[in-house]
Amino acid sequence: MPEKDYRQFKSDITIADLYPGLSPEQQAEAEYRLLRYLAVVRDIFEQITLEDPELLTELERRAMLRRKRNNPCAS
C-alpha cells in the first residue's frame, strides 16, 4: 500500500482517516491503543528529561545525523 501524504489535510487526522476499513468499534480500540502508546512515549521522554538530559541531547544529535545520511539533498 503506498504511503499517503497527510500534510494535505487541513484538519486533524482521525483514526478513520488512517484506517477507513475498520469498524467503529475497531477504530475506537485503535485510538485507545494509540493514546496509550503515546502516553508511554511521553512518560519515557519526561523520565529521560529529568534523569539524563544529556542523553536526550545525544539522541537528538543522532536522529539529526541519521536524517542527513538518509536524505543528503535536504540539507
PDB file of N, CA and C in Angstrom:
ATOM      1  N   MET A   1       0.850  -1.182   0.000  1.00  0.00           N
ATOM      2  CA  MET A   1       0.000   0.000   0.000  1.00  0.00           C
ATOM      3  C   MET A   1       0.890   1.237   0.000  1.00  0.00           C
ATOM      4  N   PRO A   2       0.692   2.161  -0.930  1.00  0.00           N
ATOM      5  CA  PRO A   2       1.522   3.362  -0.982  1.00  0.00           C
ATOM      6  C   PRO A   2       1.237   4.268   0.212  1.00  0.00           C
ATOM      7  N   GLU A   3       2.281   4.996   0.626  1.00  0.00           N
ATOM      8  CA  GLU A   3       2.106   5.932   1.728  1.00  0.00           C
ATOM      9  C   GLU A   3       1.283   7.127   1.268  1.00  0.00           C
ATOM     10  N   LYS A   4       0.421   7.615   2.180  1.00  0.00           N
ATOM     11  CA  LYS A   4      -0.354   8.813   1.892  1.00  0.00           C
ATOM     12  C   LYS A   4       0.385  10.023   2.434  1.00  0.00           C
ATOM     13  N   ASP A   5       0.213  11.143   1.788  1.00  0.00           N
ATOM     14  CA  ASP A   5       0.778  12.390   2.282  1.00  0.00           C
ATOM     15  C   ASP A   5      -0.317  13.093   3.078  1.00  0.00           C
ATOM     16  N   TYR A   6      -0.238  12.969   4.402  1.00  0.00           N
ATOM     17  CA  TYR A   6      -1.281  13.522   5.258  1.00  0.00           C
ATOM     18  C   TYR A   6      -1.136  15.023   5.475  1.00  0.00           C
ATOM     19  N   ARG A   7      -0.093  15.649   4.898  1.00  0.00           N
ATOM     20  CA  ARG A   7       0.053  17.105   5.015  1.00  0.00           C
ATOM     21  C   ARG A   7      -1.061  17.833   4.264  1.00  0.00           C
ATOM     22  N   GLN A   8      -1.760  17.119   3.376  1.00  0.00           N
ATOM     23  CA  GLN A   8      -2.833  17.736   2.609  1.00  0.00           C
ATOM     24  C   GLN A   8      -4.048  18.069   3.479  1.00  0.00           C
ATOM     25  N   PHE A   9      -4.178  17.414   4.626  1.00  0.00           N
ATOM     26  CA  PHE A   9      -5.338  17.623   5.468  1.00  0.00           C
ATOM     27  C   PHE A   9      -5.249  18.964   6.172  1.00  0.00           C
ATOM     28  N   LYS A  10      -6.329  19.701   6.143  1.00  0.00           N
ATOM     29  CA  LYS A  10      -6.370  20.998   6.806  1.00  0.00           C
ATOM     30  C   LYS A  10      -6.806  20.858   8.269  1.00  0.00           C
ATOM     31  N   SER A  11      -7.421  19.726   8.613  1.00  0.00           N
ATOM     32  CA  SER A  11      -7.869  19.499   9.977  1.00  0.00           C
ATOM     33  C   SER A  11      -7.111  18.308  10.564  1.00  0.00           C
ATOM     34  N   ASP A  12      -7.434  17.980  11.784  1.00  0.00           N
ATOM     35  CA  ASP A  12      -6.783  16.855  12.446  1.00  0.00           C
ATOM     36  C   ASP A  12      -7.052  15.558  11.693  1.00  0.00           C
ATOM     37  N   ILE A  13      -6.074  14.671  11.712  1.00  0.00           N
ATOM     38  CA  ILE A  13      -6.217  13.349  11.110  1.00  0.00           C
ATOM     39  C   ILE A  13      -6.871  12.455  12.154  1.00  0.00           C
ATOM     40  N   THR A  14      -7.883  11.731  11.756  1.00  0.00           N
ATOM     41  CA  THR A  14      -8.582  10.840  12.674  1.00  0.00           C
ATOM     42  C   THR A  14      -8.164   9.397  12.427  1.00  0.00           C
ATOM     43  N   ILE A  15      -8.514   8.545  13.355  1.00  0.00           N
ATOM     44  CA  ILE A  15      -8.267   7.110  13.183  1.00  0.00           C
ATOM     45  C   ILE A  15      -9.009   6.613  11.952  1.00  0.00           C
ATOM     46  N   ALA A  16     -10.187   7.148  11.687  1.00  0.00           N
ATOM     47  CA  ALA A  16     -10.947   6.750  10.498  1.00  0.00           C
ATOM     48  C   ALA A  16     -10.191   7.114   9.220  1.00  0.00           C
ATOM     49  N   ASP A  17      -9.455   8.227   9.240  1.00  0.00           N
ATOM     50  CA  ASP A  17      -8.621   8.598   8.089  1.00  0.00           C
ATOM     51  C   ASP A  17      -7.503   7.580   7.891  1.00  0.00           C
ATOM     52  N   LEU A  18      -6.916   7.154   9.001  1.00  0.00           N
ATOM     53  CA  LEU A  18      -5.797   6.223   8.936  1.00  0.00           C
ATOM     54  C   LEU A  18      -6.234   4.800   8.607  1.00  0.00           C
ATOM     55  N   TYR A  19      -7.368   4.397   9.148  1.00  0.00           N
ATOM     56  CA  TYR A  19      -7.854   3.023   8.990  1.00  0.00           C
ATOM     57  C   TYR A  19      -9.322   3.025   8.565  1.00  0.00           C
ATOM     58  N   PRO A  20      -9.601   3.419   7.338  1.00  0.00           N
ATOM     59  CA  PRO A  20     -11.004   3.533   6.918  1.00  0.00           C
ATOM     60  C   PRO A  20     -11.744   2.196   6.850  1.00  0.00           C
ATOM     61  N   GLY A  21     -11.028   1.088   6.771  1.00  0.00           N
ATOM     62  CA  GLY A  21     -11.680  -0.217   6.664  1.00  0.00           C
ATOM     63  C   GLY A  21     -12.100  -0.822   7.987  1.00  0.00           C
ATOM     64  N   LEU A  22     -11.749  -0.177   9.098  1.00  0.00           N
ATOM     65  CA  LEU A  22     -12.110  -0.726  10.400  1.00  0.00           C
ATOM     66  C   LEU A  22     -13.532  -0.337  10.783  1.00  0.00           C
ATOM     67  N   SER A  23     -14.150  -1.204  11.563  1.00  0.00           N
ATOM     68  CA  SER A  23     -15.485  -0.890  12.103  1.00  0.00           C
ATOM     69  C   SER A  23     -15.323   0.201  13.156  1.00  0.00           C
ATOM     70  N   PRO A  24     -16.411   0.868  13.535  1.00  0.00           N
ATOM     71  CA  PRO A  24     -16.313   1.896  14.583  1.00  0.00           C
ATOM     72  C   PRO A  24     -15.718   1.348  15.887  1.00  0.00           C
ATOM     73  N   GLU A  25     -16.054   0.118  16.230  1.00  0.00           N
ATOM     74  CA  GLU A  25     -15.508  -0.488  17.444  1.00  0.00           C
ATOM     75  C   GLU A  25     -13.996  -0.699  17.308  1.00  0.00           C
ATOM     76  N   GLN A  26     -13.572  -1.165  16.143  1.00  0.00           N
ATOM     77  CA  GLN A  26     -12.144  -1.370  15.900  1.00  0.00           C
ATOM     78  C   GLN A  26     -11.393  -0.036  15.872  1.00  0.00           C
ATOM     79  N   GLN A  27     -12.013   0.986  15.320  1.00  0.00           N
ATOM     80  CA  GLN A  27     -11.397   2.315  15.314  1.00  0.00           C
ATOM     81  C   GLN A  27     -11.245   2.840  16.735  1.00  0.00           C
ATOM     82  N   ALA A  28     -12.256   2.618  17.576  1.00  0.00           N
ATOM     83  CA  ALA A  28     -12.178   3.053  18.973  1.00  0.00           C
ATOM     84  C   ALA A  28     -11.051   2.320  19.692  1.00  0.00           C
ATOM     85  N   GLU A  29     -10.918   1.028  19.444  1.00  0.00           N
ATOM     86  CA  GLU A  29      -9.837   0.252  20.050  1.00  0.00           C
ATOM     87  C   GLU A  29      -8.469   0.751  19.559  1.00  0.00           C
ATOM     88  N   ALA A  30      -8.358   1.022  18.262  1.00  0.00           N
ATOM     89  CA  ALA A  30      -7.099   1.523  17.705  1.00  0.00           C
ATOM     90  C   ALA A  30      -6.755   2.879  18.311  1.00  0.00           C
ATOM     91  N   GLU A  31      -7.738   3.740  18.461  1.00  0.00           N
ATOM     92  CA  GLU A  31      -7.491   5.053  19.054  1.00  0.00           C
ATOM     93  C   GLU A  31      -7.045   4.919  20.502  1.00  0.00           C
ATOM     94  N   TYR A  32      -7.710   4.036  21.256  1.00  0.00           N
ATOM     95  CA  TYR A  32      -7.337   3.800  22.649  1.00  0.00           C
ATOM     96  C   TYR A  32      -5.893   3.320  22.742  1.00  0.00           C
ATOM     97  N   ARG A  33      -5.532   2.344  21.897  1.00  0.00           N
ATOM     98  CA  ARG A  33      -4.173   1.801  21.930  1.00  0.00           C
ATOM     99  C   ARG A  33      -3.139   2.852  21.514  1.00  0.00           C
ATOM    100  N   LEU A  34      -3.455   3.667  20.527  1.00  0.00           N
ATOM    101  CA  LEU A  34      -2.540   4.731  20.105  1.00  0.00           C
ATOM    102  C   LEU A  34      -2.330   5.741  21.232  1.00  0.00           C
ATOM    103  N   LEU A  35      -3.397   6.130  21.898  1.00  0.00           N
ATOM    104  CA  LEU A  35      -3.278   7.087  23.000  1.00  0.00           C
ATOM    105  C   LEU A  35      -2.468   6.505  24.151  1.00  0.00           C
ATOM    106  N   ARG A  36      -2.650   5.219  24.442  1.00  0.00           N
ATOM    107  CA  ARG A  36      -1.847   4.558  25.490  1.00  0.00           C
ATOM    108  C   ARG A  36      -0.371   4.545  25.090  1.00  0.00           C
ATOM    109  N   TYR A  37      -0.102   4.216  23.829  1.00  0.00           N
ATOM    110  CA  TYR A  37       1.274   4.195  23.335  1.00  0.00           C
ATOM    111  C   TYR A  37       1.910   5.580  23.465  1.00  0.00           C
ATOM    112  N   LEU A  38       1.182   6.611  23.053  1.00  0.00           N
ATOM    113  CA  LEU A  38       1.713   7.975  23.141  1.00  0.00           C
ATOM    114  C   LEU A  38       1.953   8.391  24.585  1.00  0.00           C
ATOM    115  N   ALA A  39       1.114   7.925  25.500  1.00  0.00           N
ATOM    116  CA  ALA A  39       1.318   8.229  26.920  1.00  0.00           C
ATOM    117  C   ALA A  39       2.609   7.582  27.421  1.00  0.00           C
ATOM    118  N   VAL A  40       2.884   6.373  26.988  1.00  0.00           N
ATOM    119  CA  VAL A  40       4.127   5.700  27.380  1.00  0.00           C
ATOM    120  C   VAL A  40       5.332   6.445  26.813  1.00  0.00           C
ATOM    121  N   VAL A  41       5.257   6.833  25.547  1.00  0.00           N
ATOM    122  CA  VAL A  41       6.362   7.577  24.926  1.00  0.00           C
ATOM    123  C   VAL A  41       6.586   8.893  25.668  1.00  0.00           C
ATOM    124  N   ARG A  42       5.514   9.582  26.008  1.00  0.00           N
ATOM    125  CA  ARG A  42       5.635  10.840  26.764  1.00  0.00           C
ATOM    126  C   ARG A  42       6.283  10.598  28.124  1.00  0.00           C
ATOM    127  N   ASP A  43       5.866   9.532  28.810  1.00  0.00           N
ATOM    128  CA  ASP A  43       6.440   9.218  30.120  1.00  0.00           C
ATOM    129  C   ASP A  43       7.938   8.930  30.012  1.00  0.00           C
ATOM    130  N   ILE A  44       8.338   8.183  28.980  1.00  0.00           N
ATOM    131  CA  ILE A  44       9.762   7.892  28.771  1.00  0.00           C
ATOM    132  C   ILE A  44      10.525   9.186  28.516  1.00  0.00           C
ATOM    133  N   PHE A  45       9.967  10.043  27.662  1.00  0.00           N
ATOM    134  CA  PHE A  45      10.612  11.328  27.359  1.00  0.00           C
ATOM    135  C   PHE A  45      10.778  12.154  28.634  1.00  0.00           C
ATOM    136  N   GLU A  46       9.732  12.239  29.438  1.00  0.00           N
ATOM    137  CA  GLU A  46       9.797  13.034  30.664  1.00  0.00           C
ATOM    138  C   GLU A  46      10.816  12.454  31.641  1.00  0.00           C
ATOM    139  N   GLN A  47      10.875  11.129  31.728  1.00  0.00           N
ATOM    140  CA  GLN A  47      11.839  10.478  32.617  1.00  0.00           C
ATOM    141  C   GLN A  47      13.271  10.779  32.175  1.00  0.00           C
ATOM    142  N   ILE A  48      13.537  10.662  30.886  1.00  0.00           N
ATOM    143  CA  ILE A  48      14.874  10.963  30.367  1.00  0.00           C
ATOM    144  C   ILE A  48      15.215  12.434  30.598  1.00  0.00           C
ATOM    145  N   THR A  49      14.244  13.319  30.371  1.00  0.00           N
ATOM    146  CA  THR A  49      14.467  14.747  30.556  1.00  0.00           C
ATOM    147  C   THR A  49      14.874  15.061  31.994  1.00  0.00           C
ATOM    148  N   LEU A  50      14.240  14.389  32.938  1.00  0.00           N
ATOM    149  CA  LEU A  50      14.553  14.640  34.343  1.00  0.00           C
ATOM    150  C   LEU A  50      15.858  13.985  34.782  1.00  0.00           C
ATOM    151  N   GLU A  51      16.066  12.738  34.368  1.00  0.00           N
ATOM    152  CA  GLU A  51      17.190  11.971  34.893  1.00  0.00           C
ATOM    153  C   GLU A  51      18.488  12.142  34.107  1.00  0.00           C
ATOM    154  N   ASP A  52      18.387  12.336  32.800  1.00  0.00           N
ATOM    155  CA  ASP A  52      19.608  12.376  31.989  1.00  0.00           C
ATOM    156  C   ASP A  52      19.401  13.247  30.753  1.00  0.00           C
ATOM    157  N   PRO A  53      19.318  14.567  30.926  1.00  0.00           N
ATOM    158  CA  PRO A  53      19.070  15.445  29.780  1.00  0.00           C
ATOM    159  C   PRO A  53      20.164  15.353  28.713  1.00  0.00           C
ATOM    160  N   GLU A  54      21.390  14.996  29.114  1.00  0.00           N
ATOM    161  CA  GLU A  54      22.457  14.841  28.122  1.00  0.00           C
ATOM    162  C   GLU A  54      22.150  13.699  27.163  1.00  0.00           C
ATOM    163  N   LEU A  55      21.520  12.644  27.669  1.00  0.00           N
ATOM    164  CA  LEU A  55      21.132  11.531  26.805  1.00  0.00           C
ATOM    165  C   LEU A  55      20.141  12.000  25.753  1.00  0.00           C
ATOM    166  N   LEU A  56      19.200  12.836  26.157  1.00  0.00           N
ATOM    167  CA  LEU A  56      18.224  13.365  25.201  1.00  0.00           C
ATOM    168  C   LEU A  56      18.920  14.173  24.116  1.00  0.00           C
ATOM    169  N   THR A  57      19.879  14.980  24.508  1.00  0.00           N
ATOM    170  CA  THR A  57      20.646  15.766  23.526  1.00  0.00           C
ATOM    171  C   THR A  57      21.382  14.838  22.562  1.00  0.00           C
ATOM    172  N   GLU A  58      21.974  13.774  23.079  1.00  0.00           N
ATOM    173  CA  GLU A  58      22.692  12.821  22.237  1.00  0.00           C
ATOM    174  C   GLU A  58      21.736  12.107  21.280  1.00  0.00           C
ATOM    175  N   LEU A  59      20.571  11.730  21.758  1.00  0.00           N
ATOM    176  CA  LEU A  59      19.586  11.066  20.887  1.00  0.00           C
ATOM    177  C   LEU A  59      19.114  12.006  19.784  1.00  0.00           C
ATOM    178  N   GLU A  60      18.915  13.276  20.112  1.00  0.00           N
ATOM    179  CA  GLU A  60      18.523  14.260  19.097  1.00  0.00           C
ATOM    180  C   GLU A  60      19.626  14.433  18.061  1.00  0.00           C
ATOM    181  N   ARG A  61      20.878  14.474  18.504  1.00  0.00           N
ATOM    182  CA  ARG A  61      22.006  14.606  17.590  1.00  0.00           C
ATOM    183  C   ARG A  61      22.077  13.406  16.643  1.00  0.00           C
ATOM    184  N   ARG A  62      21.906  12.209  17.190  1.00  0.00           N
ATOM    185  CA  ARG A  62      21.941  11.002  16.363  1.00  0.00           C
ATOM    186  C   ARG A  62      20.808  10.986  15.343  1.00  0.00           C
ATOM    187  N   ALA A  63      19.629  11.412  15.772  1.00  0.00           N
ATOM    188  CA  ALA A  63      18.482  11.436  14.853  1.00  0.00           C
ATOM    189  C   ALA A  63      18.735  12.423  13.717  1.00  0.00           C
ATOM    190  N   MET A  64      19.331  13.565  14.032  1.00  0.00           N
ATOM    191  CA  MET A  64      19.627  14.560  13.001  1.00  0.00           C
ATOM    192  C   MET A  64      20.661  14.009  12.012  1.00  0.00           C
ATOM    193  N   LEU A  65      21.675  13.351  12.522  1.00  0.00           N
ATOM    194  CA  LEU A  65      22.686  12.752  11.643  1.00  0.00           C
ATOM    195  C   LEU A  65      22.078  11.668  10.756  1.00  0.00           C
ATOM    196  N   ARG A  66      21.195  10.871  11.324  1.00  0.00           N
ATOM    197  CA  ARG A  66      20.527   9.807  10.559  1.00  0.00           C
ATOM    198  C   ARG A  66      19.668  10.404   9.447  1.00  0.00           C
ATOM    199  N   ARG A  67      18.956  11.485   9.750  1.00  0.00           N
ATOM    200  CA  ARG A  67      18.134  12.144   8.721  1.00  0.00           C
ATOM    201  C   ARG A  67      19.011  12.685   7.602  1.00  0.00           C
ATOM    202  N   LYS A  68      20.132  13.296   7.957  1.00  0.00           N
ATOM    203  CA  LYS A  68      21.044  13.829   6.942  1.00  0.00           C
ATOM    204  C   LYS A  68      21.611  12.712   6.084  1.00  0.00           C
ATOM    205  N   ARG A  69      21.953  11.590   6.708  1.00  0.00           N
ATOM    206  CA  ARG A  69      22.522  10.463   5.975  1.00  0.00           C
ATOM    207  C   ARG A  69      21.490   9.842   5.043  1.00  0.00           C
ATOM    208  N   ASN A  70      20.236   9.784   5.478  1.00  0.00           N
ATOM    209  CA  ASN A  70      19.179   9.174   4.673  1.00  0.00           C
ATOM    210  C   ASN A  70      18.621  10.104   3.606  1.00  0.00           C
ATOM    211  N   ASN A  71      18.831  11.408   3.761  1.00  0.00           N
ATOM    212  CA  ASN A  71      18.304  12.381   2.815  1.00  0.00           C
ATOM    213  C   ASN A  71      19.332  13.492   2.617  1.00  0.00           C
ATOM    214  N   PRO A  72      20.444  13.195   1.960  1.00  0.00           N
ATOM    215  CA  PRO A  72      21.528  14.188   1.842  1.00  0.00           C
ATOM    216  C   PRO A  72      21.160  15.442   1.066  1.00  0.00           C
ATOM    217  N   CYS A  73      20.161  15.382   0.195  1.00  0.00           N
ATOM    218  CA  CYS A  73      19.781  16.564  -0.595  1.00  0.00           C
ATOM    219  C   CYS A  73      18.965  17.570   0.193  1.00  0.00           C
ATOM    220  N   ALA A  74      18.422  17.166   1.343  1.00  0.00           N
ATOM    221  CA  ALA A  74      17.551  18.048   2.124  1.00  0.00           C
ATOM    222  C   ALA A  74      18.340  19.074   2.922  1.00  0.00           C
ATOM    223  N   SER A  75      19.638  18.931   3.035  1.00  0.00           N
ATOM    224  CA  SER A  75      20.444  19.868   3.838  1.00  0.00           C
ATOM    225  C   SER A  75      20.625  21.191   3.194  1.00  0.00           C
TER     226      SER A  75
END
